[in-house]
Protein backbone atom coordinates (compact mmCIF):
# COMPACT_ATOMS: atom_id res chain seq x y z
CA MET A 1 0.00 0.00 0.00
CA LYS A 2 1.23 3.47 -0.89
CA LEU A 3 0.39 5.51 2.19
CA LYS A 4 1.17 9.12 2.90
CA ASN A 5 0.40 9.52 6.60
CA PRO A 6 -0.16 12.06 7.95
CA LEU A 7 -0.10 15.18 5.77
CA PHE A 8 -1.77 17.34 8.41
CA TYR A 9 -2.45 20.08 5.96
CA ILE A 10 -4.82 22.62 7.35
CA LEU A 11 -6.80 23.35 4.24
CA SER A 12 -9.68 25.74 3.87
CA LEU A 13 -13.21 24.92 2.88
CA LEU A 14 -13.85 28.33 1.39
CA THR A 15 -17.21 30.01 1.44
CA THR A 16 -18.48 30.55 -2.06
CA LEU A 17 -20.18 33.83 -1.17
CA PRO A 18 -18.55 37.03 -2.49
CA LEU A 19 -15.64 38.14 -0.34
CA ALA A 20 -14.96 41.63 0.95
CA GLY A 21 -11.20 41.29 0.61
CA ASN A 22 -10.63 40.25 4.21
CA VAL A 23 -10.32 36.93 5.98
CA ALA A 24 -13.44 34.90 5.26
CA ARG A 25 -15.38 32.94 7.81
CA ALA A 26 -14.96 29.32 6.82
CA ALA A 27 -14.76 25.82 8.15
CA THR A 28 -11.54 23.93 7.61
CA ILE A 29 -10.61 20.38 6.81
CA GLN A 30 -7.54 18.64 8.14
CA VAL A 31 -6.23 16.08 5.67
CA LEU A 32 -5.14 13.17 7.84
CA GLN A 33 -3.77 11.00 5.06
CA THR A 34 -3.95 10.10 1.40
CA TYR A 35 -3.84 6.49 0.31
CA ASP A 36 -3.72 4.21 -2.72
CA PHE A 37 -4.48 0.57 -3.40
CA PRO A 38 -1.14 -1.00 -4.45
CA GLY A 39 -0.40 -1.24 -8.15
CA VAL A 40 0.95 1.09 -10.81
CA GLY A 41 -1.80 3.11 -12.46
CA ASN A 42 -4.57 2.07 -10.06
CA SER A 43 -7.18 4.73 -9.28
CA THR A 44 -8.48 4.71 -5.69
CA MET A 45 -11.93 6.29 -5.32
CA PRO A 46 -13.37 6.30 -1.76
CA GLN A 47 -17.18 6.41 -1.75
CA LYS A 48 -18.57 6.33 1.81
CA VAL A 49 -17.30 6.12 5.37
CA SER A 50 -19.09 4.43 8.26
CA ASP A 51 -19.45 5.95 11.72
CA GLN A 52 -16.81 3.43 12.80
CA ALA A 53 -14.41 4.90 10.23
CA VAL A 54 -14.36 2.09 7.68
CA ILE A 55 -14.22 3.36 4.09
CA ILE A 56 -15.70 1.57 1.11
CA ASN A 57 -13.83 2.25 -2.11
CA THR A 58 -14.05 1.64 -5.82
CA LEU A 59 -10.79 0.60 -7.49
CA ILE A 60 -10.22 1.14 -11.22
CA LYS A 61 -7.27 -0.77 -12.66
CA PRO A 62 -5.32 0.33 -15.75
CA ASP A 63 -7.07 -2.35 -17.85
CA GLY A 64 -10.48 -0.92 -16.90
CA THR A 65 -11.40 -3.61 -14.34
CA VAL A 66 -13.51 -2.16 -11.52
CA GLN A 67 -13.56 -3.74 -8.03
CA GLY A 68 -14.46 -2.79 -4.47
CA PHE A 69 -12.31 -2.81 -1.33
CA LEU A 70 -12.42 -1.65 2.29
CA TYR A 71 -9.94 0.52 4.14
CA LYS A 72 -9.52 1.22 7.87
CA PRO A 73 -7.61 4.51 7.98
CA ARG A 74 -7.06 4.56 11.74
CA ILE A 75 -4.83 1.50 11.49
CA GLY A 76 -3.81 1.87 7.84
CA ARG A 77 -5.26 -1.50 6.86
CA LEU A 78 -6.56 -2.34 3.38
CA SER A 79 -8.56 -5.35 2.29
CA ASP A 80 -6.19 -8.22 1.55
CA ARG A 81 -7.46 -8.12 -2.00
CA PRO A 82 -10.20 -6.24 -3.86
CA TYR A 83 -13.52 -8.00 -4.27
CA SER A 84 -15.85 -8.71 -7.17
CA ALA A 85 -19.45 -9.89 -6.90
CA PRO A 86 -19.74 -13.62 -7.74
CA ASP A 87 -22.10 -12.90 -10.66
CA ASP A 88 -19.90 -10.17 -12.12
CA THR A 89 -19.21 -11.26 -15.70
CA GLY A 90 -18.39 -7.76 -16.96
CA ASN A 91 -15.27 -7.01 -14.89
CA TYR A 92 -17.16 -4.32 -13.01
CA THR A 93 -18.06 -4.34 -9.30
CA ALA A 94 -18.33 -0.91 -7.68
CA GLY A 95 -18.22 -0.33 -3.92
CA ARG A 96 -20.79 2.35 -3.05
CA GLY A 97 -22.08 2.28 0.53
CA ILE A 98 -21.26 0.87 3.97
CA ASN A 99 -22.77 0.91 7.46
CA ASN A 100 -21.57 0.18 11.00
CA LEU A 101 -22.15 -3.56 10.55
CA ARG A 102 -19.74 -3.37 7.60
CA HIS A 103 -22.54 -4.38 5.28
CA ALA A 104 -21.64 -2.99 1.88
CA VAL A 105 -23.69 -2.26 -1.22
CA GLY A 106 -22.93 -1.48 -4.83
CA GLU A 107 -23.50 -2.77 -8.34
CA TYR A 108 -21.97 -5.28 -10.73
CA ARG A 109 -22.27 -5.72 -14.48
CA ASN A 110 -23.62 -8.62 -16.49
CA GLY A 111 -21.15 -8.93 -19.33
CA SER A 112 -23.59 -10.63 -21.69
CA ASP A 113 -26.20 -7.86 -21.84
CA GLY A 114 -24.48 -4.90 -20.14
CA THR A 115 -27.08 -4.57 -17.39
CA PHE A 116 -26.23 -3.61 -13.82
CA HIS A 117 -27.44 -5.42 -10.72
CA GLY A 118 -27.30 -4.59 -7.03
CA TYR A 119 -25.52 -6.56 -4.34
CA LEU A 120 -25.43 -6.61 -0.54
CA PHE A 121 -22.09 -7.82 0.83
CA LYS A 122 -22.10 -9.31 4.34
CA HIS A 123 -18.64 -10.79 4.51
CA PRO A 124 -18.10 -13.40 3.21
CA ASP A 125 -21.54 -13.66 1.57
CA PHE A 126 -23.04 -11.75 -1.36
CA PHE A 127 -26.77 -11.27 -1.90
CA ASN A 128 -28.43 -9.95 -5.06
CA ILE A 129 -30.86 -7.09 -4.39
CA ASP A 130 -32.47 -6.29 -7.73
CA VAL A 131 -35.68 -4.23 -7.68
CA PRO A 132 -38.63 -5.83 -9.54
CA ASN A 133 -39.29 -4.49 -13.07
CA ALA A 134 -35.90 -2.79 -13.17
CA VAL A 135 -33.40 -3.29 -15.98
CA ASN A 136 -30.62 -1.73 -13.87
CA THR A 137 -30.55 -1.69 -10.06
CA ILE A 138 -27.76 0.40 -8.53
CA PRO A 139 -27.67 0.61 -4.71
CA LEU A 140 -25.68 3.69 -3.71
CA GLY A 141 -26.07 3.97 0.07
CA ILE A 142 -27.02 2.04 3.20
CA ASN A 143 -27.68 3.32 6.73
CA ASN A 144 -27.04 1.68 10.08
CA LYS A 145 -30.56 0.20 10.12
CA GLY A 146 -29.94 -1.55 6.81
CA ASP A 147 -32.20 0.76 4.79
CA ARG A 148 -30.93 1.44 1.28
CA VAL A 149 -31.14 4.02 -1.48
CA GLY A 150 -30.06 3.99 -5.09
CA ALA A 151 -31.00 4.45 -8.73
CA LEU A 152 -32.97 2.40 -11.25
CA THR A 153 -33.55 2.05 -14.95
CA LEU A 154 -37.06 0.68 -15.43
CA THR A 155 -38.37 -1.34 -18.35
CA ASP A 156 -40.06 1.77 -19.80
CA GLY A 157 -36.71 3.58 -19.88
CA THR A 158 -37.40 5.94 -16.98
CA ARG A 159 -34.68 6.45 -14.36
CA PRO A 160 -36.07 7.13 -10.89
CA ALA A 161 -34.33 6.95 -7.53
CA TYR A 162 -35.49 4.45 -4.95
CA ILE A 163 -35.53 4.06 -1.19
CA SER A 164 -35.91 0.72 0.56
CA LEU A 165 -37.15 0.96 4.17
CA ALA A 166 -37.46 -2.34 6.03
CA GLY A 167 -37.81 -4.04 2.65
CA LYS A 168 -40.53 -1.71 1.32
CA ILE A 169 -39.40 -0.04 -1.91
CA THR A 170 -40.55 3.43 -2.94
CA THR A 171 -39.45 5.15 -6.15
CA PHE A 172 -39.34 8.91 -6.62
CA THR A 173 -38.21 11.47 -9.20
CA VAL A 174 -37.35 15.14 -8.87
CA PRO A 175 -39.93 17.04 -10.95
CA GLY A 176 -38.61 17.77 -14.44
CA ALA A 177 -35.62 15.43 -14.05
CA THR A 178 -34.56 12.96 -16.73
CA ALA A 179 -32.79 10.87 -14.07
CA THR A 180 -32.71 10.96 -10.26
CA PHE A 181 -29.98 9.38 -8.12
CA ALA A 182 -30.28 8.79 -4.36
CA TYR A 183 -26.80 8.43 -2.86
CA GLN A 184 -27.16 8.17 0.89
CA LEU A 185 -29.70 8.16 3.71
CA ASN A 186 -28.96 8.74 7.36
CA THR A 187 -30.49 7.24 10.51
CA THR A 188 -33.51 9.55 10.32
CA LYS A 189 -34.07 8.58 6.66
CA ASP A 190 -33.05 11.94 5.18
CA VAL A 191 -31.80 11.33 1.63
CA ILE A 192 -29.20 13.21 -0.40
CA GLY A 193 -28.38 12.93 -4.09
CA TYR A 194 -28.51 14.66 -7.45
CA TYR A 195 -30.63 14.69 -10.59
CA LEU A 196 -30.20 15.54 -14.27
CA ASP A 197 -32.30 18.26 -15.85
CA ALA A 198 -33.58 18.25 -19.44
CA ALA A 199 -30.21 19.50 -20.66
CA GLY A 200 -28.33 16.77 -18.78
CA VAL A 201 -26.97 19.20 -16.17
CA PRO A 202 -26.66 17.78 -12.63
CA HIS A 203 -28.15 19.54 -9.60
CA GLY A 204 -28.25 18.47 -5.96
CA TYR A 205 -31.35 17.74 -3.91
CA THR A 206 -32.40 16.44 -0.51
CA ARG A 207 -35.48 14.44 0.54
CA ASP A 208 -36.84 14.49 4.08
CA PRO A 209 -38.40 11.48 5.88
CA ASN A 210 -41.88 12.60 4.74
CA GLY A 211 -40.86 12.56 1.09
CA ASN A 212 -40.55 16.34 0.66
CA LEU A 213 -37.89 17.34 -1.86
CA ALA A 214 -35.64 20.40 -1.67
CA PHE A 215 -34.14 21.31 -5.06
CA PRO A 216 -32.19 22.53 -6.89
CA ILE A 217 -29.12 22.75 -4.66
CA ASN A 218 -26.29 24.33 -6.63
CA ALA A 219 -22.89 25.64 -5.60
CA PRO A 220 -22.61 29.31 -6.59
CA GLY A 221 -20.85 29.66 -9.94
CA SER A 222 -21.23 25.97 -10.80
CA THR A 223 -22.09 24.51 -14.18
CA GLY A 224 -23.10 21.26 -12.47
CA THR A 225 -23.46 20.21 -8.83
CA VAL A 226 -23.43 16.64 -7.48
CA LEU A 227 -24.27 15.70 -3.86
CA PHE A 228 -22.95 12.34 -2.64
CA GLY A 229 -23.19 11.96 1.12
CA ASN A 230 -24.87 13.14 4.32
CA ASN A 231 -24.54 12.30 8.00
CA ASP A 232 -26.91 12.26 10.97
CA LEU A 233 -26.46 16.04 11.33
CA ASN A 234 -27.52 16.43 7.68
CA TRP A 235 -24.16 17.88 6.72
CA GLY A 236 -23.55 17.26 3.03
CA VAL A 237 -20.59 16.58 0.73
CA GLY A 238 -20.14 16.39 -3.02
CA ARG A 239 -18.48 18.24 -5.86
CA TYR A 240 -19.18 20.81 -8.57
CA THR A 241 -17.66 21.94 -11.84
CA ASP A 242 -17.07 25.60 -12.73
CA ALA A 243 -17.03 27.39 -16.06
CA SER A 244 -13.31 26.72 -16.54
CA GLY A 245 -13.86 22.97 -16.30
CA ALA A 246 -12.22 22.58 -12.88
CA THR A 247 -13.99 20.28 -10.41
CA HIS A 248 -14.10 21.28 -6.75
CA GLY A 249 -15.06 19.35 -3.64
CA LEU A 250 -17.95 20.85 -1.71
CA PHE A 251 -19.13 20.71 1.88
CA TYR A 252 -21.99 22.26 3.78
CA LEU A 253 -23.53 22.36 7.22
CA THR A 254 -26.70 23.76 5.65
CA PRO A 255 -27.46 23.75 1.91
CA ASN A 256 -27.67 27.55 1.78
CA ASP A 257 -23.99 27.86 2.79
CA ILE A 258 -22.01 25.67 0.40
CA GLN A 259 -18.24 25.79 0.85
CA THR A 260 -15.44 24.74 -1.50
CA TYR A 261 -12.45 22.49 -0.88
CA ASP A 262 -9.63 21.86 -3.37
CA TYR A 263 -6.81 19.41 -2.77
CA PRO A 264 -3.54 21.35 -3.23
CA GLY A 265 -2.37 21.39 -6.85
CA SER A 266 -5.33 19.44 -8.24
CA THR A 267 -8.10 20.67 -10.53
CA PHE A 268 -10.37 17.72 -9.67
CA THR A 269 -11.43 17.09 -6.08
CA SER A 270 -14.45 15.05 -4.97
CA LEU A 271 -15.80 14.65 -1.43
CA ASN A 272 -17.98 11.54 -1.38
CA GLY A 273 -18.78 10.49 2.16
CA ILE A 274 -19.07 11.96 5.66
CA ASN A 275 -19.82 10.25 8.98
CA LYS A 276 -21.45 11.47 12.19
CA ASP A 277 -18.13 12.68 13.61
CA GLY A 278 -17.30 14.80 10.57
CA TYR A 279 -14.72 12.44 9.06
CA VAL A 280 -14.72 12.75 5.29
CA CYS A 281 -13.56 10.49 2.47
CA GLY A 282 -13.04 11.41 -1.16
CA TYR A 283 -10.37 11.64 -3.79
CA TYR A 284 -8.37 13.93 -6.04
CA LEU A 285 -6.85 13.47 -9.48
CA ASP A 286 -3.14 14.02 -10.05
CA ALA A 287 -1.64 15.53 -13.22
CA ASN A 288 -1.87 12.12 -14.94
CA GLY A 289 -5.55 11.72 -14.12
CA ILE A 290 -4.96 9.02 -11.48
CA ALA A 291 -7.29 9.13 -8.47
CA HIS A 292 -5.89 9.06 -4.92
CA GLY A 293 -7.93 8.56 -1.76
CA ILE A 294 -8.37 11.28 0.86
CA TRP A 295 -9.13 10.78 4.58
CA ALA A 296 -9.88 14.04 6.39
CA LYS A 297 -11.64 15.65 9.33
CA VAL A 298 -13.92 18.69 9.25
CA ASP A 299 -13.31 21.41 11.84
CA VAL A 300 -16.18 23.87 11.86
CA SER A 301 -14.60 26.13 14.49
CA LYS A 302 -11.76 27.44 12.34
CA THR A 303 -11.41 30.40 10.02
CA SER A 304 -8.87 30.72 7.25
CA ASN A 305 -7.47 33.06 4.64
CA PRO A 306 -8.81 31.71 1.35
CA SER A 307 -6.50 30.70 -1.49
CA THR A 308 -8.03 29.60 -4.76
CA ALA A 309 -4.91 29.23 -6.94
CA LEU A 310 -5.27 26.23 -9.22
CA PRO A 311 -3.37 24.93 -12.27
CA VAL A 312 -4.55 26.50 -15.52
CA VAL A 313 -5.62 23.35 -17.39
CA PRO A 314 -8.20 21.06 -15.74
CA VAL A 315 -7.07 17.44 -15.58
CA GLU A 316 -9.08 14.60 -17.14
CA PRO A 317 -9.55 11.21 -15.42
CA ALA A 318 -7.07 8.56 -16.53
CA HIS A 319 -9.92 6.02 -16.75
CA PRO A 320 -12.72 7.74 -18.72
CA LEU A 321 -15.01 4.72 -18.66
CA SER A 322 -18.33 5.72 -20.18
CA GLU A 323 -20.31 4.01 -17.43
CA LEU A 324 -18.49 6.06 -14.81
CA PHE A 325 -18.60 9.52 -16.32
CA ASN A 326 -21.50 9.76 -18.74
CA SER A 327 -24.98 10.95 -17.84
CA GLY A 328 -26.49 7.48 -17.86
CA MET A 329 -24.79 6.03 -14.79
CA PRO A 330 -24.36 7.41 -11.27
CA PHE A 331 -21.06 9.19 -10.84
CA LEU A 332 -18.28 7.90 -8.60
């Protein structure tokens, strides 16, 4: 394992409101470590972190193979080897969500027809969790009660989100959306995710336990905003792209105060998961487009002097798999 521990950068999550030229009020994030699954050219893409600080990751190998793995950052321990779902015949198993029981969810691909199917991983056993009448079932998050959320492609071609509470499945769509993706739900069943509008532009949303939707949630100045994770305090994390093509991590305590975080020297940062204690997982791309995992801690008591200097040319991912980055599949 290639481990850089600890960096202890004190990096600012900058408020995206106009500044008056002075020190801005902002939360900060302390990067505790970056990490990589061993192997030249591997991209490490953390997705969610449990309240017990176990991170579920998606690994993309140079040959395009996609697998899941777990990482325990407090002791620096990776899975002995990445995993693939037993029915994966398309060299694609993504790790998406994890809870305190270390039950993991994600999707795998059927190589014969290109469809995607959900799995629940309770080590060492895998269980298929396809939704009836769905062509594609993609679980994206699981809470500590075992409730799940995700995204579907139905037989009529529509692409709603779904929530499964104690085994009862409900689908929902943000009004006017061409696709809705539910990425995480917390203990109180608040959901966070994003949707695509008629032009294919992503916008964030939240859904409360009564089914009420709040949308659109956009970072100021963004050309597309994606929300990935929430915690029991309803803090949110995600990323957005600006007009220059740079992608910034985002964080908020409330959706009306979105803040920006950029890993130093990178033009692509994504914050994907946050637990109840404010620990965050995500990744950044280096100059070669390789993804590296981030393990960090939010400190909401700090203020910082913002610095937004970034390289001129936005970097592109080294593994531009269509199913990972096009509008048809949920983003990693």
